[in-house]
Amino acid sequence: MSRIQSLNPAWLLVAPLLALVAVMFAGPLLNILWLSFTDPEPGIANYVALVEKTSLQKLLWTTLRVCLITTVLSVALGYSIAYAMANVAEASRQRMMLFILISFWISVLVRTFSWIMLLGRNGLLNNGLIEAGLISQPIPFVRNELGVLIGMVHYMIPYAVLPILAAMQGIDGRVLQASRNLGASPAQTFWRVYLPLTKPGIIAGALLVFILSLGFYITPAIMGGGKVLMVAEYISVQILVTLKWGTAAMLAVLMLASVLGLLYVLSRFMKLSAALGGGRT
């Protein structure tokens, strides 16, 4: 009774809703976990298939490779953008931030089809290069891994910019000034002082981009043209086409475990709200 009386009344008001949300989330997750061990028959056969089937190993390797390349490119480009934003006037920074935020409001489906229109065999870029006499045959920019990477990097750059920018804005300018006063060149100040101080933002941005890339579905499916199969698309095929729910559930559990593990690592370097641009480190 004393414990109940000591609880904040606000928690008592939201407790039923929290319990409902927890049940609605936990129920489906537990059902997926159950299916991964029971379909088509009880046991760990679905998980053993990860070791025995080369097709699943190739699928995981393709997903890992695409996600890693996307992460590296997104963080490199995002760092350049964040560095520019951190070193311009406030008015210019606000305008640049507006463009970053606008990118979140554009549907990923719209972006993907825009890239198809731009980079397709009869797209604007190929037609322009052919008319300019630079090429004689269209360059296959899409329906391959290159197209998937272009679409994913374009989508992920803003997610890399926000945590890196938050880390940059948290740097005390007096530290950089002290480095220059001690005789360090601008390049030495950047590599030995500025870059190490932004490392938490880089790590947070990289993990955030990698986590989001793991579950990408629309861009690989459209830009890859069925030639670049990743885990999310494969899960969809197993559920809707082949009806192998156990395999799909096993891969979903694997992805969920990976995401939770990466989120834990991310929380060790930066608050999750800061990683999403909600605050500074």
Protein backbone atom coordinates (compact mmCIF):
# COMPACT_ATOMS: atom_id res chain seq x y z
CA MET A 1 0.00 0.00 0.00
CA SER A 2 2.84 2.39 0.87
CA ARG A 3 4.48 1.72 -2.51
CA ILE A 4 1.25 2.54 -4.36
CA GLN A 5 0.84 5.77 -2.40
CA SER A 6 4.42 6.81 -3.22
CA LEU A 7 3.91 6.41 -6.99
CA ASN A 8 3.56 9.53 -9.07
CA PRO A 9 -0.15 9.98 -9.95
CA ALA A 10 0.85 10.62 -13.57
CA TRP A 11 2.25 7.08 -13.84
CA LEU A 12 -1.03 5.67 -12.55
CA LEU A 13 -2.88 7.47 -15.36
CA VAL A 14 -0.65 6.19 -18.16
CA ALA A 15 -0.02 2.72 -16.71
CA PRO A 16 -3.05 1.10 -18.45
CA LEU A 17 -2.01 2.53 -21.81
CA LEU A 18 1.59 1.43 -21.30
CA ALA A 19 0.40 -2.06 -20.43
CA LEU A 20 -1.78 -2.15 -23.56
CA VAL A 21 1.10 -1.02 -25.78
CA ALA A 22 3.43 -3.57 -24.16
CA VAL A 23 0.95 -6.39 -24.79
CA MET A 24 0.33 -5.30 -28.38
CA PHE A 25 4.08 -5.27 -29.07
CA ALA A 26 5.08 -8.28 -27.01
CA GLY A 27 2.34 -10.51 -28.38
CA PRO A 28 3.38 -10.40 -32.05
CA LEU A 29 7.08 -10.56 -31.15
CA LEU A 30 6.58 -13.65 -29.03
CA ASN A 31 4.49 -15.18 -31.81
CA ILE A 32 7.32 -14.60 -34.31
CA LEU A 33 9.81 -16.13 -31.89
CA TRP A 34 7.50 -19.11 -31.44
CA LEU A 35 7.10 -19.61 -35.19
CA SER A 36 10.86 -19.57 -35.69
CA PHE A 37 11.15 -22.65 -33.47
CA THR A 38 7.95 -24.51 -34.41
CA ASP A 39 7.34 -24.02 -38.15
CA PRO A 40 7.36 -26.30 -40.10
CA GLU A 41 8.18 -28.57 -37.15
CA PRO A 42 9.43 -28.02 -33.56
CA GLY A 43 13.18 -27.61 -33.18
CA ILE A 44 16.03 -25.39 -34.25
CA ALA A 45 16.07 -26.49 -37.89
CA ASN A 46 15.41 -22.95 -39.11
CA TYR A 47 18.46 -21.66 -37.29
CA VAL A 48 20.61 -24.61 -38.37
CA ALA A 49 19.76 -23.67 -41.97
CA LEU A 50 21.82 -20.51 -41.50
CA VAL A 51 24.90 -22.72 -41.33
CA GLU A 52 23.88 -25.36 -43.85
CA LYS A 53 22.26 -23.38 -46.67
CA THR A 54 24.61 -21.36 -48.84
CA SER A 55 21.66 -19.38 -50.21
CA LEU A 56 20.92 -17.95 -46.77
CA GLN A 57 24.60 -17.24 -46.18
CA LYS A 58 24.76 -15.39 -49.50
CA LEU A 59 21.63 -13.46 -48.55
CA LEU A 60 23.13 -12.38 -45.21
CA TRP A 61 26.45 -11.48 -46.83
CA THR A 62 24.72 -9.36 -49.48
CA THR A 63 22.72 -7.57 -46.81
CA LEU A 64 25.79 -7.01 -44.64
CA ARG A 65 27.90 -5.78 -47.56
CA VAL A 66 25.28 -3.34 -48.84
CA CYS A 67 24.61 -2.02 -45.33
CA LEU A 68 28.31 -1.54 -44.60
CA ILE A 69 28.99 0.29 -47.87
CA THR A 70 25.89 2.42 -47.35
CA THR A 71 27.04 3.26 -43.84
CA VAL A 72 30.57 4.24 -44.88
CA LEU A 73 29.40 6.44 -47.76
CA SER A 74 26.55 8.01 -45.78
CA VAL A 75 28.79 8.87 -42.83
CA ALA A 76 31.53 10.29 -45.08
CA LEU A 77 29.10 12.50 -46.98
CA GLY A 78 27.13 13.29 -43.83
CA TYR A 79 30.29 14.38 -42.03
CA SER A 80 31.12 16.81 -44.84
CA ILE A 81 27.61 18.28 -44.71
CA ALA A 82 27.60 18.49 -40.91
CA TYR A 83 31.04 20.15 -40.94
CA ALA A 84 29.77 22.77 -43.36
CA MET A 85 26.67 23.36 -41.24
CA ALA A 86 28.71 23.70 -38.05
CA ASN A 87 30.98 26.35 -39.57
CA VAL A 88 28.55 28.71 -41.29
CA ALA A 89 26.48 31.58 -40.01
CA GLU A 90 23.37 30.77 -38.01
CA ALA A 91 21.01 31.90 -40.76
CA SER A 92 22.71 29.64 -43.31
CA ARG A 93 22.72 26.77 -40.82
CA GLN A 94 18.97 27.13 -40.33
CA ARG A 95 18.37 27.03 -44.08
CA MET A 96 20.57 23.95 -44.45
CA MET A 97 18.74 22.29 -41.56
CA LEU A 98 15.45 23.02 -43.29
CA PHE A 99 16.59 21.10 -46.36
CA ILE A 100 17.70 18.22 -44.13
CA LEU A 101 14.28 18.11 -42.46
CA ILE A 102 12.42 18.35 -45.77
CA SER A 103 14.16 15.15 -46.86
CA PHE A 104 12.41 13.33 -44.01
CA TRP A 105 9.02 14.40 -45.31
CA ILE A 106 9.51 12.96 -48.80
CA SER A 107 8.26 9.40 -49.20
CA VAL A 108 10.93 6.78 -49.81
CA LEU A 109 8.75 5.45 -52.63
CA VAL A 110 8.73 8.85 -54.33
CA ARG A 111 12.50 9.11 -53.96
CA THR A 112 13.06 5.66 -55.40
CA PHE A 113 10.93 6.23 -58.49
CA SER A 114 12.62 9.60 -58.95
CA TRP A 115 15.97 7.83 -59.11
CA ILE A 116 14.54 5.35 -61.63
CA MET A 117 13.41 8.23 -63.84
CA LEU A 118 16.81 9.89 -63.50
CA LEU A 119 19.14 6.89 -63.78
CA GLY A 120 17.09 4.39 -65.78
CA ARG A 121 18.07 3.05 -69.18
CA ASN A 122 15.99 5.77 -70.82
CA GLY A 123 16.42 8.15 -67.92
CA LEU A 124 17.50 11.77 -67.95
CA LEU A 125 21.17 11.04 -67.18
CA ASN A 126 21.69 8.33 -69.80
CA ASN A 127 19.84 10.30 -72.47
CA GLY A 128 21.89 13.37 -71.67
CA LEU A 129 25.18 11.47 -71.89
CA ILE A 130 24.18 9.84 -75.18
CA GLU A 131 23.10 13.16 -76.72
CA ALA A 132 26.37 14.72 -75.58
CA GLY A 133 28.26 11.94 -77.36
CA LEU A 134 30.00 10.77 -74.17
CA ILE A 135 28.58 7.24 -74.33
CA SER A 136 27.06 5.09 -77.08
CA GLN A 137 25.09 2.69 -74.86
CA PRO A 138 23.11 3.42 -71.68
CA ILE A 139 25.00 2.81 -68.46
CA PRO A 140 23.24 0.33 -66.09
CA PHE A 141 22.88 2.59 -63.05
CA VAL A 142 19.82 0.77 -61.70
CA ARG A 143 18.55 -2.79 -61.29
CA ASN A 144 21.88 -3.74 -59.77
CA GLU A 145 23.82 -3.20 -56.54
CA LEU A 146 25.01 0.22 -57.68
CA GLY A 147 21.42 1.42 -57.97
CA VAL A 148 20.59 0.04 -54.53
CA LEU A 149 23.57 1.85 -53.01
CA ILE A 150 22.68 5.14 -54.70
CA GLY A 151 19.12 5.02 -53.41
CA MET A 152 20.04 3.91 -49.90
CA VAL A 153 22.89 6.40 -49.45
CA HIS A 154 20.66 9.24 -50.64
CA TYR A 155 18.04 8.27 -48.08
CA MET A 156 20.46 7.70 -45.21
CA ILE A 157 22.62 10.81 -45.39
CA PRO A 158 20.28 12.95 -43.21
CA TYR A 159 20.35 10.27 -40.50
CA ALA A 160 24.15 10.51 -40.47
CA VAL A 161 24.16 14.31 -40.45
CA LEU A 162 22.08 14.83 -37.31
CA PRO A 163 24.18 12.96 -34.70
CA ILE A 164 27.44 14.18 -36.23
CA LEU A 165 26.20 17.78 -36.23
CA ALA A 166 25.10 17.40 -32.60
CA ALA A 167 28.61 16.25 -31.67
CA MET A 168 30.23 19.10 -33.60
CA GLN A 169 28.04 21.74 -31.99
CA GLY A 170 29.01 20.41 -28.58
CA ILE A 171 32.72 21.14 -29.15
CA ASP A 172 34.11 24.09 -27.20
CA GLY A 173 35.68 26.47 -29.69
CA ARG A 174 38.32 27.43 -27.14
CA VAL A 175 39.83 23.94 -27.48
CA LEU A 176 40.40 24.49 -31.20
CA GLN A 177 41.75 27.98 -30.56
CA ALA A 178 44.17 26.60 -27.98
CA SER A 179 45.43 24.07 -30.50
CA ARG A 180 46.12 26.79 -33.04
CA ASN A 181 47.78 29.00 -30.40
CA LEU A 182 50.15 26.13 -29.61
CA GLY A 183 51.35 26.10 -33.20
CA ALA A 184 49.20 23.40 -34.77
CA SER A 185 48.24 23.89 -38.39
CA PRO A 186 44.54 23.79 -39.41
CA ALA A 187 45.04 20.25 -40.73
CA GLN A 188 46.73 19.11 -37.50
CA THR A 189 43.96 20.71 -35.44
CA PHE A 190 41.33 18.88 -37.46
CA TRP A 191 42.96 15.43 -37.39
CA ARG A 192 44.29 15.50 -33.82
CA VAL A 193 41.63 17.54 -32.01
CA TYR A 194 38.44 18.10 -33.98
CA LEU A 195 38.00 14.63 -35.48
CA PRO A 196 38.58 12.73 -32.18
CA LEU A 197 36.08 15.01 -30.42
CA THR A 198 33.44 14.17 -33.03
CA LYS A 199 34.07 10.43 -32.79
CA PRO A 200 30.96 9.75 -30.61
CA GLY A 201 28.80 11.43 -33.27
CA ILE A 202 30.47 9.43 -36.04
CA ILE A 203 29.89 6.17 -34.19
CA ALA A 204 26.30 7.09 -33.38
CA GLY A 205 25.63 8.11 -36.99
CA ALA A 206 27.22 4.96 -38.36
CA LEU A 207 25.24 2.68 -36.07
CA LEU A 208 22.01 4.54 -36.75
CA VAL A 209 22.48 4.31 -40.52
CA PHE A 210 23.45 0.64 -40.32
CA ILE A 211 20.43 -0.22 -38.16
CA LEU A 212 18.02 1.50 -40.55
CA SER A 213 19.73 -0.07 -43.57
CA LEU A 214 19.19 -3.59 -42.21
CA GLY A 215 15.44 -3.28 -42.59
CA PHE A 216 15.38 -1.50 -45.94
CA TYR A 217 12.82 -3.00 -48.31
CA ILE A 218 11.40 -0.61 -50.93
CA THR A 219 14.67 0.79 -52.32
CA PRO A 220 16.48 -2.56 -52.75
CA ALA A 221 13.35 -4.14 -54.24
CA ILE A 222 12.86 -1.40 -56.85
CA MET A 223 16.40 -0.16 -57.51
CA GLY A 224 17.77 -3.70 -57.41
CA GLY A 225 15.16 -5.01 -59.82
CA GLY A 226 15.09 -8.39 -58.07
CA LYS A 227 18.82 -8.92 -58.66
CA VAL A 228 19.97 -7.67 -55.24
CA LEU A 229 18.07 -9.68 -52.63
CA MET A 230 18.33 -8.45 -49.04
CA VAL A 231 16.88 -9.86 -45.83
CA ALA A 232 13.79 -7.65 -45.64
CA GLU A 233 12.70 -8.48 -49.19
CA TYR A 234 13.49 -12.16 -48.66
CA ILE A 235 11.27 -12.22 -45.56
CA SER A 236 8.43 -10.75 -47.61
CA VAL A 237 8.87 -13.43 -50.28
CA GLN A 238 8.88 -16.21 -47.67
CA ILE A 239 5.63 -14.94 -46.14
CA LEU A 240 3.67 -13.94 -49.23
CA VAL A 241 4.94 -16.33 -51.92
CA THR A 242 6.56 -19.51 -50.60
CA LEU A 243 4.63 -19.48 -47.28
CA LYS A 244 7.72 -20.54 -45.31
CA TRP A 245 6.75 -18.69 -42.17
CA GLY A 246 9.36 -20.42 -40.02
CA THR A 247 12.24 -19.22 -42.18
CA ALA A 248 10.79 -15.72 -42.31
CA ALA A 249 10.31 -15.68 -38.55
CA MET A 250 13.87 -16.89 -37.96
CA LEU A 251 15.29 -14.11 -40.12
CA ALA A 252 13.04 -11.56 -38.42
CA VAL A 253 14.26 -12.69 -35.00
CA LEU A 254 17.85 -12.47 -36.24
CA MET A 255 17.30 -8.93 -37.49
CA LEU A 256 15.56 -7.90 -34.29
CA ALA A 257 18.39 -9.28 -32.15
CA SER A 258 20.93 -7.47 -34.32
CA VAL A 259 19.07 -4.18 -34.08
CA LEU A 260 18.67 -4.43 -30.30
CA GLY A 261 22.36 -5.22 -29.92
CA LEU A 262 23.35 -2.27 -32.09
CA LEU A 263 20.96 0.04 -30.23
CA TYR A 264 22.64 -1.02 -26.99
CA VAL A 265 26.03 -0.19 -28.47
CA LEU A 266 24.65 3.14 -29.71
CA SER A 267 23.34 4.01 -26.24
CA ARG A 268 26.85 3.52 -24.85
CA PHE A 269 28.20 6.33 -27.04
CA MET A 270 25.28 8.73 -27.26
CA LYS A 271 21.79 9.20 -25.90
CA LEU A 272 19.26 7.90 -28.39
CA SER A 273 17.43 11.24 -28.38
CA ALA A 274 20.68 12.98 -29.29
CA ALA A 275 21.36 10.46 -32.04
CA LEU A 276 18.02 11.42 -33.58
CA GLY A 277 18.87 15.09 -33.39
CA GLY A 278 16.89 15.80 -30.23
CA GLY A 279 19.79 17.07 -28.15
CA ARG A 280 23.52 17.28 -27.73
CA THR A 281 25.91 14.85 -26.22
